[in-house]
Amino acid sequence: VVARLLAAERAFLASILLATDAACAGH
């Protein structure tokens, strides 16, 4: 359960940061 949680949290965070990075760059 812990391994799955860690992998999912890393993916959720990456999805958020990719989106906000792109928005800041106007993409």
mmCIF file of all heavy atoms, coordinates in Angstrom:
data_MODEL
# 
_entry.id   MODEL 
# 
loop_
_atom_site.group_PDB 
_atom_site.id 
_atom_site.type_symbol 
_atom_site.label_atom_id 
_atom_site.label_alt_id 
_atom_site.label_comp_id 
_atom_site.label_asym_id 
_atom_site.label_entity_id 
_atom_site.label_seq_id 
_atom_site.pdbx_PDB_ins_code 
_atom_site.Cartn_x 
_atom_site.Cartn_y 
_atom_site.Cartn_z 
_atom_site.occupancy 
_atom_site.B_iso_or_equiv 
_atom_site.pdbx_formal_charge 
_atom_site.auth_seq_id 
_atom_site.auth_comp_id 
_atom_site.auth_asym_id 
_atom_site.auth_atom_id 
_atom_site.pdbx_PDB_model_num 
ATOM 1   N N   . VAL A 1 1  ? 0.834  -1.193 0.000   1.00 0.00 ? 1  VAL A N   1 
ATOM 2   C CA  . VAL A 1 1  ? 0.000  0.000  0.000   1.00 0.00 ? 1  VAL A CA  1 
ATOM 3   C C   . VAL A 1 1  ? 0.875  1.251  0.000   1.00 0.00 ? 1  VAL A C   1 
ATOM 4   O O   . VAL A 1 1  ? 0.619  2.214  -0.730  1.00 0.00 ? 1  VAL A O   1 
ATOM 5   C CB  . VAL A 1 1  ? -0.938 0.002  1.217   1.00 0.00 ? 1  VAL A CB  1 
ATOM 6   C CG1 . VAL A 1 1  ? -1.682 1.314  1.331   1.00 0.00 ? 1  VAL A CG1 1 
ATOM 7   C CG2 . VAL A 1 1  ? -1.933 -1.155 1.120   1.00 0.00 ? 1  VAL A CG2 1 
ATOM 8   N N   . VAL A 1 2  ? 1.933  1.222  0.793   1.00 0.00 ? 2  VAL A N   1 
ATOM 9   C CA  . VAL A 1 2  ? 2.830  2.378  0.871   1.00 0.00 ? 2  VAL A CA  1 
ATOM 10  C C   . VAL A 1 2  ? 3.510  2.628  -0.469  1.00 0.00 ? 2  VAL A C   1 
ATOM 11  O O   . VAL A 1 2  ? 3.609  3.764  -0.935  1.00 0.00 ? 2  VAL A O   1 
ATOM 12  C CB  . VAL A 1 2  ? 3.877  2.173  1.981   1.00 0.00 ? 2  VAL A CB  1 
ATOM 13  C CG1 . VAL A 1 2  ? 4.957  3.246  1.913   1.00 0.00 ? 2  VAL A CG1 1 
ATOM 14  C CG2 . VAL A 1 2  ? 3.206  2.196  3.348   1.00 0.00 ? 2  VAL A CG2 1 
ATOM 15  N N   . ALA A 1 3  ? 3.977  1.554  -1.102  1.00 0.00 ? 3  ALA A N   1 
ATOM 16  C CA  . ALA A 1 3  ? 4.642  1.718  -2.398  1.00 0.00 ? 3  ALA A CA  1 
ATOM 17  C C   . ALA A 1 3  ? 3.702  2.344  -3.423  1.00 0.00 ? 3  ALA A C   1 
ATOM 18  O O   . ALA A 1 3  ? 4.097  3.225  -4.194  1.00 0.00 ? 3  ALA A O   1 
ATOM 19  C CB  . ALA A 1 3  ? 5.131  0.361  -2.895  1.00 0.00 ? 3  ALA A CB  1 
ATOM 20  N N   . ARG A 1 4  ? 2.456  1.889  -3.421  1.00 0.00 ? 4  ARG A N   1 
ATOM 21  C CA  . ARG A 1 4  ? 1.477  2.432  -4.365  1.00 0.00 ? 4  ARG A CA  1 
ATOM 22  C C   . ARG A 1 4  ? 1.163  3.889  -4.051  1.00 0.00 ? 4  ARG A C   1 
ATOM 23  O O   . ARG A 1 4  ? 1.034  4.722  -4.949  1.00 0.00 ? 4  ARG A O   1 
ATOM 24  C CB  . ARG A 1 4  ? 0.209  1.588  -4.336  1.00 0.00 ? 4  ARG A CB  1 
ATOM 25  C CG  . ARG A 1 4  ? -0.827 2.008  -5.360  1.00 0.00 ? 4  ARG A CG  1 
ATOM 26  C CD  . ARG A 1 4  ? -1.994 1.036  -5.375  1.00 0.00 ? 4  ARG A CD  1 
ATOM 27  N NE  . ARG A 1 4  ? -3.023 1.462  -6.313  1.00 0.00 ? 4  ARG A NE  1 
ATOM 28  C CZ  . ARG A 1 4  ? -3.004 1.201  -7.608  1.00 0.00 ? 4  ARG A CZ  1 
ATOM 29  N NH1 . ARG A 1 4  ? -2.013 0.502  -8.120  1.00 0.00 ? 4  ARG A NH1 1 
ATOM 30  N NH2 . ARG A 1 4  ? -3.983 1.619  -8.398  1.00 0.00 ? 4  ARG A NH2 1 
ATOM 31  N N   . LEU A 1 5  ? 1.055  4.190  -2.765  1.00 0.00 ? 5  LEU A N   1 
ATOM 32  C CA  . LEU A 1 5  ? 0.788  5.570  -2.368  1.00 0.00 ? 5  LEU A CA  1 
ATOM 33  C C   . LEU A 1 5  ? 1.901  6.500  -2.825  1.00 0.00 ? 5  LEU A C   1 
ATOM 34  O O   . LEU A 1 5  ? 1.644  7.580  -3.364  1.00 0.00 ? 5  LEU A O   1 
ATOM 35  C CB  . LEU A 1 5  ? 0.647  5.649  -0.845  1.00 0.00 ? 5  LEU A CB  1 
ATOM 36  C CG  . LEU A 1 5  ? -0.734 5.448  -0.249  1.00 0.00 ? 5  LEU A CG  1 
ATOM 37  C CD1 . LEU A 1 5  ? -0.647 5.377  1.270   1.00 0.00 ? 5  LEU A CD1 1 
ATOM 38  C CD2 . LEU A 1 5  ? -1.662 6.579  -0.669  1.00 0.00 ? 5  LEU A CD2 1 
ATOM 39  N N   . LEU A 1 6  ? 3.130  6.090  -2.602  1.00 0.00 ? 6  LEU A N   1 
ATOM 40  C CA  . LEU A 1 6  ? 4.262  6.947  -2.958  1.00 0.00 ? 6  LEU A CA  1 
ATOM 41  C C   . LEU A 1 6  ? 4.324  7.187  -4.463  1.00 0.00 ? 6  LEU A C   1 
ATOM 42  O O   . LEU A 1 6  ? 4.577  8.307  -4.914  1.00 0.00 ? 6  LEU A O   1 
ATOM 43  C CB  . LEU A 1 6  ? 5.565  6.321  -2.462  1.00 0.00 ? 6  LEU A CB  1 
ATOM 44  C CG  . LEU A 1 6  ? 5.752  6.286  -0.941  1.00 0.00 ? 6  LEU A CG  1 
ATOM 45  C CD1 . LEU A 1 6  ? 6.975  5.451  -0.581  1.00 0.00 ? 6  LEU A CD1 1 
ATOM 46  C CD2 . LEU A 1 6  ? 5.870  7.684  -0.366  1.00 0.00 ? 6  LEU A CD2 1 
ATOM 47  N N   . ALA A 1 7  ? 4.097  6.134  -5.229  1.00 0.00 ? 7  ALA A N   1 
ATOM 48  C CA  . ALA A 1 7  ? 4.127  6.281  -6.687  1.00 0.00 ? 7  ALA A CA  1 
ATOM 49  C C   . ALA A 1 7  ? 3.009  7.199  -7.163  1.00 0.00 ? 7  ALA A C   1 
ATOM 50  O O   . ALA A 1 7  ? 3.216  8.056  -8.046  1.00 0.00 ? 7  ALA A O   1 
ATOM 51  C CB  . ALA A 1 7  ? 3.997  4.909  -7.345  1.00 0.00 ? 7  ALA A CB  1 
ATOM 52  N N   . ALA A 1 8  ? 1.821  7.035  -6.591  1.00 0.00 ? 8  ALA A N   1 
ATOM 53  C CA  . ALA A 1 8  ? 0.681  7.856  -7.009  1.00 0.00 ? 8  ALA A CA  1 
ATOM 54  C C   . ALA A 1 8  ? 0.883  9.315  -6.623  1.00 0.00 ? 8  ALA A C   1 
ATOM 55  O O   . ALA A 1 8  ? 0.601  10.224 -7.416  1.00 0.00 ? 8  ALA A O   1 
ATOM 56  C CB  . ALA A 1 8  ? -0.603 7.321  -6.389  1.00 0.00 ? 8  ALA A CB  1 
ATOM 57  N N   . GLU A 1 9  ? 1.386  9.567  -5.419  1.00 0.00 ? 9  GLU A N   1 
ATOM 58  C CA  . GLU A 1 9  ? 1.588  10.947 -4.985  1.00 0.00 ? 9  GLU A CA  1 
ATOM 59  C C   . GLU A 1 9  ? 2.624  11.646 -5.861  1.00 0.00 ? 9  GLU A C   1 
ATOM 60  O O   . GLU A 1 9  ? 2.479  12.828 -6.186  1.00 0.00 ? 9  GLU A O   1 
ATOM 61  C CB  . GLU A 1 9  ? 1.995  10.981 -3.513  1.00 0.00 ? 9  GLU A CB  1 
ATOM 62  C CG  . GLU A 1 9  ? 0.855  10.622 -2.578  1.00 0.00 ? 9  GLU A CG  1 
ATOM 63  C CD  . GLU A 1 9  ? 1.151  10.940 -1.134  1.00 0.00 ? 9  GLU A CD  1 
ATOM 64  O OE1 . GLU A 1 9  ? 2.330  11.196 -0.790  1.00 0.00 ? 9  GLU A OE1 1 
ATOM 65  O OE2 . GLU A 1 9  ? 0.190  10.941 -0.329  1.00 0.00 ? 9  GLU A OE2 1 
ATOM 66  N N   . ARG A 1 10 ? 3.650  10.917 -6.248  1.00 0.00 ? 10 ARG A N   1 
ATOM 67  C CA  . ARG A 1 10 ? 4.660  11.512 -7.129  1.00 0.00 ? 10 ARG A CA  1 
ATOM 68  C C   . ARG A 1 10 ? 4.046  11.852 -8.481  1.00 0.00 ? 10 ARG A C   1 
ATOM 69  O O   . ARG A 1 10 ? 4.331  12.909 -9.061  1.00 0.00 ? 10 ARG A O   1 
ATOM 70  C CB  . ARG A 1 10 ? 5.820  10.526 -7.293  1.00 0.00 ? 10 ARG A CB  1 
ATOM 71  C CG  . ARG A 1 10 ? 7.001  11.088 -8.052  1.00 0.00 ? 10 ARG A CG  1 
ATOM 72  C CD  . ARG A 1 10 ? 8.243  10.243 -7.830  1.00 0.00 ? 10 ARG A CD  1 
ATOM 73  N NE  . ARG A 1 10 ? 9.333  10.761 -8.637  1.00 0.00 ? 10 ARG A NE  1 
ATOM 74  C CZ  . ARG A 1 10 ? 9.768  10.213 -9.767  1.00 0.00 ? 10 ARG A CZ  1 
ATOM 75  N NH1 . ARG A 1 10 ? 9.171  9.128  -10.223 1.00 0.00 ? 10 ARG A NH1 1 
ATOM 76  N NH2 . ARG A 1 10 ? 10.749 10.739 -10.434 1.00 0.00 ? 10 ARG A NH2 1 
ATOM 77  N N   . ALA A 1 11 ? 3.158  10.970 -8.982  1.00 0.00 ? 11 ALA A N   1 
ATOM 78  C CA  . ALA A 1 11 ? 2.513  11.220 -10.272 1.00 0.00 ? 11 ALA A CA  1 
ATOM 79  C C   . ALA A 1 11 ? 1.526  12.387 -10.175 1.00 0.00 ? 11 ALA A C   1 
ATOM 80  O O   . ALA A 1 11 ? 1.458  13.242 -11.060 1.00 0.00 ? 11 ALA A O   1 
ATOM 81  C CB  . ALA A 1 11 ? 1.790  9.962  -10.749 1.00 0.00 ? 11 ALA A CB  1 
ATOM 82  N N   . PHE A 1 12 ? 0.732  12.434 -9.088  1.00 0.00 ? 12 PHE A N   1 
ATOM 83  C CA  . PHE A 1 12 ? -0.208 13.547 -8.907  1.00 0.00 ? 12 PHE A CA  1 
ATOM 84  C C   . PHE A 1 12 ? 0.543  14.876 -8.894  1.00 0.00 ? 12 PHE A C   1 
ATOM 85  O O   . PHE A 1 12 ? 0.138  15.846 -9.536  1.00 0.00 ? 12 PHE A O   1 
ATOM 86  C CB  . PHE A 1 12 ? -0.967 13.399 -7.579  1.00 0.00 ? 12 PHE A CB  1 
ATOM 87  C CG  . PHE A 1 12 ? -1.895 12.226 -7.506  1.00 0.00 ? 12 PHE A CG  1 
ATOM 88  C CD1 . PHE A 1 12 ? -2.344 11.779 -6.276  1.00 0.00 ? 12 PHE A CD1 1 
ATOM 89  C CD2 . PHE A 1 12 ? -2.329 11.563 -8.640  1.00 0.00 ? 12 PHE A CD2 1 
ATOM 90  C CE1 . PHE A 1 12 ? -3.208 10.701 -6.182  1.00 0.00 ? 12 PHE A CE1 1 
ATOM 91  C CE2 . PHE A 1 12 ? -3.193 10.480 -8.556  1.00 0.00 ? 12 PHE A CE2 1 
ATOM 92  C CZ  . PHE A 1 12 ? -3.639 10.051 -7.319  1.00 0.00 ? 12 PHE A CZ  1 
ATOM 93  N N   . LEU A 1 13 ? 1.634  14.910 -8.131  1.00 0.00 ? 13 LEU A N   1 
ATOM 94  C CA  . LEU A 1 13 ? 2.400  16.152 -8.010  1.00 0.00 ? 13 LEU A CA  1 
ATOM 95  C C   . LEU A 1 13 ? 3.000  16.550 -9.357  1.00 0.00 ? 13 LEU A C   1 
ATOM 96  O O   . LEU A 1 13 ? 2.973  17.730 -9.726  1.00 0.00 ? 13 LEU A O   1 
ATOM 97  C CB  . LEU A 1 13 ? 3.500  15.985 -6.963  1.00 0.00 ? 13 LEU A CB  1 
ATOM 98  C CG  . LEU A 1 13 ? 4.383  17.206 -6.710  1.00 0.00 ? 13 LEU A CG  1 
ATOM 99  C CD1 . LEU A 1 13 ? 3.552  18.420 -6.326  1.00 0.00 ? 13 LEU A CD1 1 
ATOM 100 C CD2 . LEU A 1 13 ? 5.420  16.907 -5.633  1.00 0.00 ? 13 LEU A CD2 1 
ATOM 101 N N   . ALA A 1 14 ? 3.529  15.587 -10.087 1.00 0.00 ? 14 ALA A N   1 
ATOM 102 C CA  . ALA A 1 14 ? 4.104  15.896 -11.396 1.00 0.00 ? 14 ALA A CA  1 
ATOM 103 C C   . ALA A 1 14 ? 3.044  16.457 -12.330 1.00 0.00 ? 14 ALA A C   1 
ATOM 104 O O   . ALA A 1 14 ? 3.299  17.422 -13.072 1.00 0.00 ? 14 ALA A O   1 
ATOM 105 C CB  . ALA A 1 14 ? 4.726  14.636 -12.005 1.00 0.00 ? 14 ALA A CB  1 
ATOM 106 N N   . SER A 1 15 ? 1.842  15.879 -12.307 1.00 0.00 ? 15 SER A N   1 
ATOM 107 C CA  . SER A 1 15 ? 0.756  16.365 -13.154 1.00 0.00 ? 15 SER A CA  1 
ATOM 108 C C   . SER A 1 15 ? 0.421  17.819 -12.836 1.00 0.00 ? 15 SER A C   1 
ATOM 109 O O   . SER A 1 15 ? 0.226  18.642 -13.739 1.00 0.00 ? 15 SER A O   1 
ATOM 110 C CB  . SER A 1 15 ? -0.483 15.483 -12.960 1.00 0.00 ? 15 SER A CB  1 
ATOM 111 O OG  . SER A 1 15 ? -1.567 15.961 -13.721 1.00 0.00 ? 15 SER A OG  1 
ATOM 112 N N   . ILE A 1 16 ? 0.389  18.146 -11.556 1.00 0.00 ? 16 ILE A N   1 
ATOM 113 C CA  . ILE A 1 16 ? 0.095  19.518 -11.144 1.00 0.00 ? 16 ILE A CA  1 
ATOM 114 C C   . ILE A 1 16 ? 1.199  20.468 -11.589 1.00 0.00 ? 16 ILE A C   1 
ATOM 115 O O   . ILE A 1 16 ? 0.942  21.544 -12.161 1.00 0.00 ? 16 ILE A O   1 
ATOM 116 C CB  . ILE A 1 16 ? -0.084 19.583 -9.615  1.00 0.00 ? 16 ILE A CB  1 
ATOM 117 C CG1 . ILE A 1 16 ? -1.389 18.901 -9.202  1.00 0.00 ? 16 ILE A CG1 1 
ATOM 118 C CG2 . ILE A 1 16 ? -0.062 21.036 -9.118  1.00 0.00 ? 16 ILE A CG2 1 
ATOM 119 C CD1 . ILE A 1 16 ? -1.540 18.730 -7.700  1.00 0.00 ? 16 ILE A CD1 1 
ATOM 120 N N   . LEU A 1 17 ? 2.440  20.095 -11.344 1.00 0.00 ? 17 LEU A N   1 
ATOM 121 C CA  . LEU A 1 17 ? 3.558  20.989 -11.654 1.00 0.00 ? 17 LEU A CA  1 
ATOM 122 C C   . LEU A 1 17 ? 3.747  21.182 -13.153 1.00 0.00 ? 17 LEU A C   1 
ATOM 123 O O   . LEU A 1 17 ? 4.072  22.288 -13.610 1.00 0.00 ? 17 LEU A O   1 
ATOM 124 C CB  . LEU A 1 17 ? 4.838  20.449 -11.021 1.00 0.00 ? 17 LEU A CB  1 
ATOM 125 C CG  . LEU A 1 17 ? 4.836  20.392 -9.491  1.00 0.00 ? 17 LEU A CG  1 
ATOM 126 C CD1 . LEU A 1 17 ? 6.160  19.845 -8.974  1.00 0.00 ? 17 LEU A CD1 1 
ATOM 127 C CD2 . LEU A 1 17 ? 4.543  21.756 -8.885  1.00 0.00 ? 17 LEU A CD2 1 
ATOM 128 N N   . LEU A 1 18 ? 3.540  20.126 -13.938 1.00 0.00 ? 18 LEU A N   1 
ATOM 129 C CA  . LEU A 1 18 ? 3.614  20.275 -15.388 1.00 0.00 ? 18 LEU A CA  1 
ATOM 130 C C   . LEU A 1 18 ? 2.558  21.254 -15.888 1.00 0.00 ? 18 LEU A C   1 
ATOM 131 O O   . LEU A 1 18 ? 2.808  22.061 -16.783 1.00 0.00 ? 18 LEU A O   1 
ATOM 132 C CB  . LEU A 1 18 ? 3.438  18.912 -16.062 1.00 0.00 ? 18 LEU A CB  1 
ATOM 133 C CG  . LEU A 1 18 ? 4.618  17.942 -15.957 1.00 0.00 ? 18 LEU A CG  1 
ATOM 134 C CD1 . LEU A 1 18 ? 4.214  16.556 -16.439 1.00 0.00 ? 18 LEU A CD1 1 
ATOM 135 C CD2 . LEU A 1 18 ? 5.813  18.449 -16.756 1.00 0.00 ? 18 LEU A CD2 1 
ATOM 136 N N   . ALA A 1 19 ? 1.359  21.173 -15.296 1.00 0.00 ? 19 ALA A N   1 
ATOM 137 C CA  . ALA A 1 19 ? 0.274  22.054 -15.712 1.00 0.00 ? 19 ALA A CA  1 
ATOM 138 C C   . ALA A 1 19 ? 0.554  23.501 -15.325 1.00 0.00 ? 19 ALA A C   1 
ATOM 139 O O   . ALA A 1 19 ? 0.375  24.424 -16.134 1.00 0.00 ? 19 ALA A O   1 
ATOM 140 C CB  . ALA A 1 19 ? -1.043 21.585 -15.095 1.00 0.00 ? 19 ALA A CB  1 
ATOM 141 N N   . THR A 1 20 ? 0.993  23.743 -14.096 1.00 0.00 ? 20 THR A N   1 
ATOM 142 C CA  . THR A 1 20 ? 1.241  25.115 -13.660 1.00 0.00 ? 20 THR A CA  1 
ATOM 143 C C   . THR A 1 20 ? 2.480  25.701 -14.348 1.00 0.00 ? 20 THR A C   1 
ATOM 144 O O   . THR A 1 20 ? 2.504  26.885 -14.664 1.00 0.00 ? 20 THR A O   1 
ATOM 145 C CB  . THR A 1 20 ? 1.391  25.179 -12.131 1.00 0.00 ? 20 THR A CB  1 
ATOM 146 O OG1 . THR A 1 20 ? 2.389  24.245 -11.696 1.00 0.00 ? 20 THR A OG1 1 
ATOM 147 C CG2 . THR A 1 20 ? 0.068  24.846 -11.451 1.00 0.00 ? 20 THR A CG2 1 
ATOM 148 N N   . ASP A 1 21 ? 3.484  24.870 -14.599 1.00 0.00 ? 21 ASP A N   1 
ATOM 149 C CA  . ASP A 1 21 ? 4.655  25.340 -15.347 1.00 0.00 ? 21 ASP A CA  1 
ATOM 150 C C   . ASP A 1 21 ? 4.238  25.816 -16.739 1.00 0.00 ? 21 ASP A C   1 
ATOM 151 O O   . ASP A 1 21 ? 4.668  26.875 -17.220 1.00 0.00 ? 21 ASP A O   1 
ATOM 152 C CB  . ASP A 1 21 ? 5.690  24.223 -15.499 1.00 0.00 ? 21 ASP A CB  1 
ATOM 153 C CG  . ASP A 1 21 ? 6.401  23.893 -14.202 1.00 0.00 ? 21 ASP A CG  1 
ATOM 154 O OD1 . ASP A 1 21 ? 6.244  24.647 -13.232 1.00 0.00 ? 21 ASP A OD1 1 
ATOM 155 O OD2 . ASP A 1 21 ? 7.113  22.862 -14.171 1.00 0.00 ? 21 ASP A OD2 1 
ATOM 156 N N   . ALA A 1 22 ? 3.419  24.996 -17.412 1.00 0.00 ? 22 ALA A N   1 
ATOM 157 C CA  . ALA A 1 22 ? 2.978  25.336 -18.764 1.00 0.00 ? 22 ALA A CA  1 
ATOM 158 C C   . ALA A 1 22 ? 2.131  26.600 -18.757 1.00 0.00 ? 22 ALA A C   1 
ATOM 159 O O   . ALA A 1 22 ? 2.266  27.457 -19.644 1.00 0.00 ? 22 ALA A O   1 
ATOM 160 C CB  . ALA A 1 22 ? 2.192  24.168 -19.365 1.00 0.00 ? 22 ALA A CB  1 
ATOM 161 N N   . ALA A 1 23 ? 1.252  26.725 -17.758 1.00 0.00 ? 23 ALA A N   1 
ATOM 162 C CA  . ALA A 1 23 ? 0.400  27.911 -17.684 1.00 0.00 ? 23 ALA A CA  1 
ATOM 163 C C   . ALA A 1 23 ? 1.227  29.171 -17.496 1.00 0.00 ? 23 ALA A C   1 
ATOM 164 O O   . ALA A 1 23 ? 0.958  30.214 -18.112 1.00 0.00 ? 23 ALA A O   1 
ATOM 165 C CB  . ALA A 1 23 ? -0.605 27.747 -16.541 1.00 0.00 ? 23 ALA A CB  1 
ATOM 166 N N   . CYS A 1 24 ? 2.252  29.083 -16.663 1.00 0.00 ? 24 CYS A N   1 
ATOM 167 C CA  . CYS A 1 24 ? 3.126  30.244 -16.442 1.00 0.00 ? 24 CYS A CA  1 
ATOM 168 C C   . CYS A 1 24 ? 3.854  30.641 -17.722 1.00 0.00 ? 24 CYS A C   1 
ATOM 169 O O   . CYS A 1 24 ? 4.132  31.819 -17.956 1.00 0.00 ? 24 CYS A O   1 
ATOM 170 C CB  . CYS A 1 24 ? 4.132  29.933 -15.343 1.00 0.00 ? 24 CYS A CB  1 
ATOM 171 S SG  . CYS A 1 24 ? 3.439  29.888 -13.679 1.00 0.00 ? 24 CYS A SG  1 
ATOM 172 N N   . ALA A 1 25 ? 4.167  29.643 -18.554 1.00 0.00 ? 25 ALA A N   1 
ATOM 173 C CA  . ALA A 1 25 ? 4.880  29.907 -19.811 1.00 0.00 ? 25 ALA A CA  1 
ATOM 174 C C   . ALA A 1 25 ? 3.933  30.228 -20.952 1.00 0.00 ? 25 ALA A C   1 
ATOM 175 O O   . ALA A 1 25 ? 4.383  30.506 -22.070 1.00 0.00 ? 25 ALA A O   1 
ATOM 176 C CB  . ALA A 1 25 ? 5.733  28.694 -20.172 1.00 0.00 ? 25 ALA A CB  1 
ATOM 177 N N   . GLY A 1 26 ? 2.619  30.186 -20.687 1.00 0.00 ? 26 GLY A N   1 
ATOM 178 C CA  . GLY A 1 26 ? 1.642  30.479 -21.723 1.00 0.00 ? 26 GLY A CA  1 
ATOM 179 C C   . GLY A 1 26 ? 1.410  29.340 -22.687 1.00 0.00 ? 26 GLY A C   1 
ATOM 180 O O   . GLY A 1 26 ? 0.924  29.559 -23.801 1.00 0.00 ? 26 GLY A O   1 
ATOM 181 N N   . HIS A 1 27 ? 1.724  28.109 -22.265 1.00 0.00 ? 27 HIS A N   1 
ATOM 182 C CA  . HIS A 1 27 ? 1.558  26.946 -23.124 1.00 0.00 ? 27 HIS A CA  1 
ATOM 183 C C   . HIS A 1 27 ? 0.433  26.047 -22.601 1.00 0.00 ? 27 HIS A C   1 
ATOM 184 O O   . HIS A 1 27 ? 0.033  26.141 -21.438 1.00 0.00 ? 27 HIS A O   1 
ATOM 185 C CB  . HIS A 1 27 ? 2.850  26.116 -23.184 1.00 0.00 ? 27 HIS A CB  1 
ATOM 186 C CG  . HIS A 1 27 ? 4.028  26.894 -23.660 1.00 0.00 ? 27 HIS A CG  1 
ATOM 187 N ND1 . HIS A 1 27 ? 5.311  26.673 -23.202 1.00 0.00 ? 27 HIS A ND1 1 
ATOM 188 C CD2 . HIS A 1 27 ? 4.129  27.916 -24.556 1.00 0.00 ? 27 HIS A CD2 1 
ATOM 189 C CE1 . HIS A 1 27 ? 6.149  27.505 -23.786 1.00 0.00 ? 27 HIS A CE1 1 
ATOM 190 N NE2 . HIS A 1 27 ? 5.447  28.273 -24.612 1.00 0.00 ? 27 HIS A NE2 1 
# 
